[in-house]
Amino acid sequence: MKKSLLLIIGFLILLATEILRVYFIMPFPGSQKSDTIQIAYFLHNYIWWIRVLGLLLFVPPMIYIFRNSRWWRKILLAIFVLLYATVFYAFNFKFLADKMFYQPENKILATVATNKVDSTKLVIGVALNGQAKAYPVEIISYHHQVQDSISGEPVMVTYCSVCRTGRVFSPFVNGKFEKFRLVGMDHFNAMFEDATTKSWWRQATGKAVAGKLKGTALKEIESAQMSLGAWMRKHPNTMILQPDPVFAKQYKGLEGFDEGTIKSDLEKRDSASWQFKSWVIGIEKNGHTKAYDWNDLVKQRVINDTFQNTALVLVLENDNRSFHVWNRQVKDKLLQFTFDAAAQTLKDTATNSVWNMNGECVEGILKNNRLTAIQAYQEFWHSWESFHPGTGKY
């Protein structure tokens, strides 16, 4: 009886550990709505010790029972072993994030002339020191991160399709270049593990949430989300990341993501406002945040607002994909803008000057002035609200 009890305890430890280690950091039912990150990190780091404990409890009574029991108990033991082997394989080689999503094997960058990505596709664009690059969202959504360099500066371009969050970071930690791998997710947001300290980093904020470096933040690099066509108009010499032929099937599974019509329930848009997966534009300034309803922006096309003593304007282009947020203070003038849909231009009511979708004044007394861009993000409402508690709403 005692040996049977030890065997069952050991088996349950082995089984539960393999399942829970992955359950807490992958999008299984109920797994992403609780604060279990520290439990998951403990299981991840001490998995081998827990396995040894489970095996020490399970193996000796298993051998004894197998040698001294009737045939039906031996069959039962075989079922136990087969069940554990199946769970071990599934949760270590099938369900782990880095076994499901891989980095590009062929990082292909093309010029505007040789580009094969449709100009309507959404991209995360980055411009540094005179060089611009665009990373199609439907490509980086699968990979979750692409390591690259722009003007000789290493960058880590990231995207989490379940939160609809695109962020670009400098991959340096305490002055040292670091490599990261996808380890799972927490509250539906992708997490990366650094190679040196094995700390876990949240994609939406760039902050370490578990491990030795908990509380440390990666430096964010300014980026913009818009259609490739809009990005090429602004940066005609941009380079564009091309699909890796190795992952053609995986990219096809993300068709419709840009529009929010993808089949996946985790990534499909809620068309109503302020729902779990409704789209919002999020802005952060001086430790405060504010969210703007995407549906509202689609209706108005231009929103003039003031946030944290900064006068800003949100604009949506006619493609219904490319948005901009600019500071509407120009020198000593506080401007109010209207949108001309036919010409796809802005006009300020103070001077009647005309501004294009690159934020440049092209006609009027303010000609050659440029609006200053403000970092803003399009993402799901649940993501913005989760990682910016107490956020304001327009």
Protein backbone atom coordinates (compact mmCIF):
# COMPACT_ATOMS: atom_id res chain seq x y z
CA MET A 1 0.00 0.00 0.00
CA LYS A 2 2.83 2.38 0.92
CA LYS A 3 4.67 1.62 -2.31
CA SER A 4 1.51 2.24 -4.35
CA LEU A 5 0.99 5.58 -2.61
CA LEU A 6 4.58 6.68 -3.32
CA LEU A 7 4.18 5.61 -6.94
CA ILE A 8 0.98 7.65 -7.35
CA ILE A 9 2.50 10.72 -5.65
CA GLY A 10 5.61 10.51 -7.84
CA PHE A 11 3.51 10.08 -10.97
CA LEU A 12 1.31 13.08 -10.13
CA ILE A 13 4.38 15.24 -9.44
CA LEU A 14 5.90 14.30 -12.80
CA LEU A 15 2.67 14.77 -14.72
CA ALA A 16 1.57 18.02 -13.06
CA THR A 17 4.99 19.63 -13.36
CA GLU A 18 5.28 19.00 -17.10
CA ILE A 19 1.77 20.31 -17.72
CA LEU A 20 1.78 23.35 -15.41
CA ARG A 21 5.23 24.53 -16.51
CA VAL A 22 3.81 25.09 -20.00
CA TYR A 23 0.17 25.76 -19.10
CA PHE A 24 0.99 28.95 -17.19
CA ILE A 25 2.93 30.52 -20.10
CA MET A 26 0.88 29.45 -23.12
CA PRO A 27 -2.68 30.40 -24.16
CA PHE A 28 -4.54 27.44 -22.71
CA PRO A 29 -8.08 28.06 -21.37
CA GLY A 30 -7.88 30.10 -18.15
CA SER A 31 -4.09 30.26 -18.10
CA GLN A 32 -3.60 33.91 -19.02
CA LYS A 33 -5.95 35.66 -16.61
CA SER A 34 -4.09 34.98 -13.34
CA ASP A 35 -0.82 36.29 -11.94
CA THR A 36 1.10 33.01 -12.12
CA ILE A 37 4.33 34.25 -13.71
CA GLN A 38 6.47 33.62 -10.63
CA ILE A 39 5.12 30.06 -10.26
CA ALA A 40 5.84 29.43 -13.95
CA TYR A 41 9.35 30.83 -13.61
CA PHE A 42 10.04 28.62 -10.57
CA LEU A 43 8.84 25.51 -12.40
CA HIS A 44 10.87 26.47 -15.47
CA ASN A 45 14.09 26.89 -13.51
CA TYR A 46 13.76 23.91 -11.18
CA ILE A 47 12.14 21.47 -13.59
CA TRP A 48 15.03 18.98 -13.48
CA TRP A 49 15.12 18.89 -9.68
CA ILE A 50 11.37 18.32 -9.57
CA ARG A 51 11.68 15.58 -12.17
CA VAL A 52 14.37 13.86 -10.10
CA LEU A 53 12.13 14.03 -7.02
CA GLY A 54 9.21 12.59 -8.96
CA LEU A 55 11.33 9.80 -10.45
CA LEU A 56 12.79 8.91 -7.03
CA LEU A 57 9.26 8.48 -5.72
CA PHE A 58 7.94 6.73 -8.84
CA VAL A 59 10.67 4.39 -10.12
CA PRO A 60 11.53 2.20 -7.06
CA PRO A 61 7.90 1.20 -6.31
CA MET A 62 7.30 0.81 -10.04
CA ILE A 63 10.13 -1.74 -10.28
CA TYR A 64 8.93 -3.56 -7.17
CA ILE A 65 5.31 -3.72 -8.32
CA PHE A 66 6.32 -4.79 -11.81
CA ARG A 67 8.37 -7.68 -10.43
CA ASN A 68 5.90 -8.84 -7.80
CA SER A 69 2.42 -8.08 -9.10
CA ARG A 70 -0.13 -9.69 -11.35
CA TRP A 71 -0.31 -9.00 -15.07
CA TRP A 72 -3.10 -6.40 -14.86
CA ARG A 73 -1.00 -4.23 -12.52
CA LYS A 74 1.89 -4.47 -14.96
CA ILE A 75 -0.41 -3.26 -17.74
CA LEU A 76 -1.57 -0.40 -15.51
CA LEU A 77 2.05 0.57 -14.86
CA ALA A 78 2.77 0.49 -18.58
CA ILE A 79 -0.18 2.82 -19.16
CA PHE A 80 1.19 5.22 -16.51
CA VAL A 81 4.62 5.24 -18.15
CA LEU A 82 3.14 5.70 -21.63
CA LEU A 83 0.92 8.54 -20.41
CA TYR A 84 3.86 10.36 -18.85
CA ALA A 85 6.00 9.82 -21.94
CA THR A 86 3.22 11.27 -24.12
CA VAL A 87 2.77 14.31 -21.86
CA PHE A 88 6.56 14.80 -21.65
CA TYR A 89 6.89 14.79 -25.44
CA ALA A 90 3.89 17.04 -26.06
CA PHE A 91 4.76 19.67 -23.46
CA ASN A 92 8.48 19.75 -24.26
CA PHE A 93 8.53 19.38 -28.04
CA LYS A 94 5.13 20.54 -29.29
CA PHE A 95 3.59 23.12 -26.96
CA LEU A 96 6.66 25.19 -25.98
CA ALA A 97 6.74 28.59 -27.68
CA ASP A 98 10.20 28.22 -29.20
CA LYS A 99 9.19 24.84 -30.65
CA MET A 100 6.22 26.43 -32.40
CA PHE A 101 7.66 29.75 -33.60
CA TYR A 102 11.10 29.98 -35.17
CA GLN A 103 13.40 32.79 -36.22
CA PRO A 104 13.82 33.46 -39.97
CA GLU A 105 16.34 31.20 -41.63
CA ASN A 106 16.71 33.62 -44.53
CA LYS A 107 16.53 37.29 -43.56
CA ILE A 108 15.87 38.89 -46.94
CA LEU A 109 15.74 42.68 -47.28
CA ALA A 110 14.69 44.29 -50.55
CA THR A 111 14.72 47.80 -51.97
CA VAL A 112 11.51 49.51 -53.05
CA ALA A 113 12.33 48.48 -56.64
CA THR A 114 12.77 44.78 -55.82
CA ASN A 115 10.17 44.51 -53.04
CA LYS A 116 7.48 41.82 -53.39
CA VAL A 117 5.37 42.69 -50.32
CA ASP A 118 2.01 44.25 -51.16
CA SER A 119 1.98 47.99 -50.46
CA THR A 120 -1.29 47.68 -48.50
CA LYS A 121 0.31 45.42 -45.87
CA LEU A 122 0.91 46.80 -42.39
CA VAL A 123 4.52 47.32 -41.37
CA ILE A 124 6.48 48.36 -38.33
CA GLY A 125 8.82 51.03 -39.65
CA VAL A 126 12.06 52.21 -38.06
CA ALA A 127 14.30 55.07 -39.19
CA LEU A 128 17.71 55.58 -37.57
CA ASN A 129 20.50 57.91 -38.59
CA GLY A 130 19.38 58.23 -42.18
CA GLN A 131 18.47 54.59 -42.83
CA ALA A 132 14.90 53.27 -42.85
CA LYS A 133 13.60 49.71 -42.73
CA ALA A 134 10.11 48.24 -42.79
CA TYR A 135 9.05 44.95 -41.22
CA PRO A 136 5.69 43.54 -42.43
CA VAL A 137 3.45 42.72 -39.48
CA GLU A 138 2.21 39.44 -40.96
CA ILE A 139 5.83 38.26 -41.12
CA ILE A 140 7.05 39.32 -37.68
CA SER A 141 3.76 38.20 -36.09
CA TYR A 142 4.80 34.61 -36.71
CA HIS A 143 8.46 35.01 -35.69
CA HIS A 144 7.60 37.33 -32.75
CA GLN A 145 11.03 38.92 -33.05
CA VAL A 146 13.55 39.73 -35.76
CA GLN A 147 17.10 40.70 -34.85
CA ASP A 148 18.54 43.23 -37.28
CA SER A 149 20.70 46.35 -37.49
CA ILE A 150 19.88 49.80 -38.82
CA SER A 151 22.72 52.20 -39.60
CA GLY A 152 24.98 49.76 -37.78
CA GLU A 153 22.86 49.81 -34.61
CA PRO A 154 21.44 46.44 -33.47
CA VAL A 155 17.66 46.39 -33.11
CA MET A 156 15.15 43.84 -31.88
CA VAL A 157 11.88 44.21 -33.78
CA THR A 158 9.07 42.45 -31.90
CA TYR A 159 5.39 41.78 -32.41
CA CYS A 160 2.78 39.90 -30.39
CA SER A 161 -0.26 39.07 -32.51
CA VAL A 162 -2.40 38.08 -29.49
CA CYS A 163 -2.01 41.60 -28.06
CA ARG A 164 -1.50 43.31 -31.43
CA THR A 165 1.58 45.03 -30.00
CA GLY A 166 4.57 46.09 -32.06
CA ARG A 167 7.67 47.29 -30.22
CA VAL A 168 11.30 47.86 -31.21
CA PHE A 169 14.07 47.61 -28.63
CA SER A 170 17.79 47.98 -28.36
CA PRO A 171 19.03 44.45 -27.44
CA PHE A 172 21.58 45.70 -24.92
CA VAL A 173 21.31 44.84 -21.22
CA ASN A 174 23.59 46.73 -18.86
CA GLY A 175 25.74 47.75 -21.81
CA LYS A 176 26.13 44.20 -23.16
CA PHE A 177 24.60 42.89 -26.39
CA GLU A 178 22.07 40.21 -25.53
CA LYS A 179 20.28 37.46 -27.41
CA PHE A 180 16.67 36.58 -26.66
CA ARG A 181 14.41 33.62 -27.33
CA LEU A 182 10.63 33.37 -27.19
CA VAL A 183 9.70 31.54 -23.98
CA GLY A 184 5.91 31.92 -23.78
CA MET A 185 3.35 34.54 -22.79
CA ASP A 186 1.85 36.20 -19.75
CA HIS A 187 -1.56 37.90 -19.80
CA PHE A 188 -1.63 37.07 -23.52
CA ASN A 189 1.60 38.98 -24.18
CA ALA A 190 4.76 37.39 -25.56
CA MET A 191 7.72 36.90 -23.22
CA PHE A 192 11.37 36.58 -24.13
CA GLU A 193 14.22 35.02 -22.17
CA ASP A 194 17.70 36.51 -22.31
CA ALA A 195 20.58 34.10 -22.88
CA THR A 196 22.80 35.35 -20.03
CA THR A 197 20.63 35.57 -16.91
CA LYS A 198 17.56 33.65 -18.16
CA SER A 199 15.34 36.52 -17.01
CA TRP A 200 11.90 36.83 -18.64
CA TRP A 201 10.98 40.04 -20.48
CA ARG A 202 7.49 41.28 -21.40
CA GLN A 203 7.16 42.29 -25.04
CA ALA A 204 4.57 45.06 -24.56
CA THR A 205 6.70 47.02 -22.09
CA GLY A 206 10.26 45.77 -22.57
CA LYS A 207 10.52 45.12 -18.83
CA ALA A 208 11.89 42.03 -17.12
CA VAL A 209 9.08 40.47 -15.07
CA ALA A 210 10.91 37.48 -13.58
CA GLY A 211 14.46 36.50 -12.84
CA LYS A 212 17.66 38.23 -11.80
CA LEU A 213 16.95 41.35 -13.86
CA LYS A 214 13.32 41.78 -12.77
CA GLY A 215 12.38 45.46 -13.00
CA THR A 216 15.02 46.29 -15.62
CA ALA A 217 13.76 47.77 -18.89
CA LEU A 218 15.12 47.57 -22.41
CA LYS A 219 15.62 50.85 -24.24
CA GLU A 220 12.78 51.34 -26.72
CA ILE A 221 13.54 52.61 -30.21
CA GLU A 222 11.00 54.87 -31.88
CA SER A 223 8.87 53.09 -34.47
CA ALA A 224 5.69 53.61 -36.46
CA GLN A 225 2.92 51.34 -37.72
CA MET A 226 1.35 52.08 -41.10
CA SER A 227 0.82 50.55 -44.50
CA LEU A 228 3.93 49.78 -46.50
CA GLY A 229 2.74 52.23 -49.15
CA ALA A 230 2.56 55.06 -46.61
CA TRP A 231 6.00 54.13 -45.22
CA MET A 232 7.56 54.07 -48.71
CA ARG A 233 6.03 57.47 -49.47
CA LYS A 234 7.73 58.85 -46.36
CA HIS A 235 10.97 56.86 -46.82
CA PRO A 236 11.48 56.18 -50.57
CA ASN A 237 14.88 54.57 -49.92
CA THR A 238 13.61 52.17 -47.28
CA MET A 239 14.57 48.50 -47.16
CA ILE A 240 11.72 46.02 -46.68
CA LEU A 241 11.86 42.63 -44.97
CA GLN A 242 10.69 39.91 -47.37
CA PRO A 243 8.91 36.65 -46.52
CA ASP A 244 11.22 33.74 -45.75
CA PRO A 245 10.21 30.95 -48.19
CA VAL A 246 10.82 28.39 -45.44
CA PHE A 247 7.81 29.72 -43.50
CA ALA A 248 5.35 30.34 -46.36
CA LYS A 249 2.74 28.07 -44.76
CA GLN A 250 2.99 29.86 -41.40
CA TYR A 251 2.63 33.28 -43.01
CA LYS A 252 -0.46 32.11 -44.90
CA GLY A 253 -2.05 31.25 -41.57
CA LEU A 254 -1.85 34.95 -40.64
CA GLU A 255 -3.75 36.20 -43.66
CA GLY A 256 -6.40 38.66 -42.57
CA PHE A 257 -4.51 39.70 -39.44
CA ASP A 258 -3.92 43.24 -40.72
CA GLU A 259 -7.66 43.74 -41.22
CA GLY A 260 -8.64 41.97 -37.99
CA THR A 261 -10.55 39.28 -39.91
CA ILE A 262 -8.14 36.42 -39.20
CA LYS A 263 -9.81 33.11 -38.25
CA SER A 264 -7.99 32.76 -34.91
CA ASP A 265 -10.23 33.76 -31.98
CA LEU A 266 -7.17 35.02 -30.10
CA GLU A 267 -6.22 37.43 -32.89
CA LYS A 268 -9.54 38.36 -34.47
CA ARG A 269 -10.77 41.89 -33.85
CA ASP A 270 -13.88 42.81 -31.85
CA SER A 271 -15.55 45.34 -34.13
CA ALA A 272 -17.45 47.10 -31.31
CA SER A 273 -15.68 49.74 -29.21
CA TRP A 274 -13.96 49.10 -25.87
CA GLN A 275 -14.36 45.32 -26.01
CA PHE A 276 -11.65 42.79 -25.11
CA LYS A 277 -10.11 42.80 -28.60
CA SER A 278 -11.23 46.21 -29.81
CA TRP A 279 -8.50 48.29 -31.44
CA VAL A 280 -7.22 51.35 -29.62
CA ILE A 281 -4.43 53.87 -30.10
CA GLY A 282 -2.35 54.13 -26.94
CA ILE A 283 -0.10 57.00 -25.88
CA GLU A 284 2.17 57.24 -22.86
CA LYS A 285 3.68 60.45 -21.48
CA ASN A 286 5.20 61.35 -18.12
CA GLY A 287 4.10 58.05 -16.63
CA HIS A 288 0.48 58.60 -17.67
CA THR A 289 -1.40 56.85 -20.47
CA LYS A 290 -4.43 57.42 -22.62
CA ALA A 291 -6.35 55.27 -25.11
CA TYR A 292 -8.29 56.41 -28.16
CA ASP A 293 -11.01 54.27 -29.74
CA TRP A 294 -10.10 53.19 -33.27
CA ASN A 295 -13.73 53.32 -34.38
CA ASP A 296 -13.92 56.93 -33.24
CA LEU A 297 -10.80 57.78 -35.26
CA VAL A 298 -12.25 56.08 -38.35
CA LYS A 299 -15.36 58.27 -38.08
CA GLN A 300 -13.61 61.55 -37.34
CA ARG A 301 -10.35 61.03 -39.29
CA VAL A 302 -8.72 63.69 -37.14
CA ILE A 303 -8.85 64.13 -33.36
CA ASN A 304 -7.45 67.25 -31.72
CA ASP A 305 -6.73 66.68 -28.05
CA THR A 306 -4.47 67.70 -25.17
CA PHE A 307 -2.76 65.11 -22.99
CA GLN A 308 -0.27 65.81 -20.21
CA ASN A 309 0.04 69.44 -21.31
CA THR A 310 0.88 68.37 -24.84
CA ALA A 311 -1.39 69.46 -27.69
CA LEU A 312 -1.65 66.55 -30.07
CA VAL A 313 -3.51 65.50 -33.18
CA LEU A 314 -4.39 61.96 -34.26
CA VAL A 315 -4.90 61.38 -37.97
CA LEU A 316 -6.05 58.35 -39.95
CA GLU A 317 -5.23 58.14 -43.65
CA ASN A 318 -7.74 57.08 -46.30
CA ASP A 319 -6.36 53.54 -46.33
CA ASN A 320 -7.89 53.05 -42.85
CA ARG A 321 -4.58 51.52 -41.73
CA SER A 322 -1.99 54.26 -41.46
CA PHE A 323 -2.30 56.51 -38.44
CA HIS A 324 -0.17 59.34 -37.11
CA VAL A 325 0.06 61.22 -33.84
CA TRP A 326 1.77 64.60 -33.91
CA ASN A 327 2.37 67.50 -31.56
CA ARG A 328 0.20 70.33 -32.92
CA GLN A 329 2.24 73.07 -31.29
CA VAL A 330 4.38 74.71 -34.00
CA LYS A 331 6.69 77.39 -32.65
CA ASP A 332 4.37 79.85 -30.89
CA LYS A 333 1.22 78.64 -32.62
CA LEU A 334 -1.24 76.12 -31.19
CA LEU A 335 -2.89 74.61 -34.24
CA GLN A 336 -6.28 72.99 -34.70
CA PHE A 337 -6.58 70.68 -37.70
CA THR A 338 -9.28 69.57 -40.10
CA PHE A 339 -8.98 66.72 -42.61
CA ASP A 340 -9.52 66.97 -46.37
CA ALA A 341 -10.36 63.40 -47.39
CA ALA A 342 -10.30 64.10 -51.13
CA ALA A 343 -6.78 65.52 -51.06
CA GLN A 344 -5.71 63.49 -48.00
CA THR A 345 -4.24 66.56 -46.38
CA LEU A 346 -4.65 68.51 -43.15
CA LYS A 347 -5.47 72.20 -42.85
CA ASP A 348 -4.85 74.19 -39.69
CA THR A 349 -7.63 76.63 -38.82
CA ALA A 350 -5.22 79.29 -37.51
CA THR A 351 -3.35 80.01 -40.76
CA ASN A 352 -5.13 77.82 -43.35
CA SER A 353 -1.80 76.21 -44.12
CA VAL A 354 -1.91 72.76 -45.74
CA TRP A 355 -0.05 69.77 -44.31
CA ASN A 356 0.61 66.39 -45.90
CA MET A 357 0.55 62.94 -44.32
CA ASN A 358 4.26 63.12 -43.58
CA GLY A 359 3.55 65.96 -41.15
CA GLU A 360 5.07 68.58 -43.49
CA CYS A 361 3.50 71.93 -44.27
CA VAL A 362 3.39 72.17 -48.07
CA GLU A 363 1.33 75.33 -48.56
CA GLY A 364 0.69 78.54 -46.62
CA ILE A 365 2.63 80.79 -44.27
CA LEU A 366 3.90 77.79 -42.26
CA LYS A 367 5.34 76.08 -45.36
CA ASN A 368 8.44 73.94 -44.69
CA ASN A 369 7.58 73.50 -41.03
CA ARG A 370 7.19 69.95 -39.78
CA LEU A 371 5.03 68.48 -37.02
CA THR A 372 6.85 66.48 -34.34
CA ALA A 373 5.82 62.83 -34.19
CA ILE A 374 4.62 61.34 -30.89
CA GLN A 375 5.15 57.64 -30.23
CA ALA A 376 1.83 55.82 -30.31
CA TYR A 377 0.67 52.24 -30.67
CA GLN A 378 -2.30 50.39 -32.11
CA GLU A 379 -3.22 47.36 -30.01
CA PHE A 380 -6.04 45.40 -28.46
CA TRP A 381 -7.88 47.14 -25.64
CA HIS A 382 -7.26 44.23 -23.23
CA SER A 383 -3.52 44.59 -23.77
CA TRP A 384 -3.34 48.34 -23.29
CA GLU A 385 -5.57 48.19 -20.20
CA SER A 386 -3.63 45.25 -18.67
CA PHE A 387 -0.19 46.81 -18.98
CA HIS A 388 -1.30 50.39 -18.35
CA PRO A 389 -3.69 50.09 -15.39
CA GLY A 390 -5.67 53.24 -14.72
CA THR A 391 -5.27 54.43 -18.30
CA GLY A 392 -7.43 57.32 -19.44
CA LYS A 393 -9.95 56.99 -22.27
CA TYR A 394 -10.77 59.64 -24.86
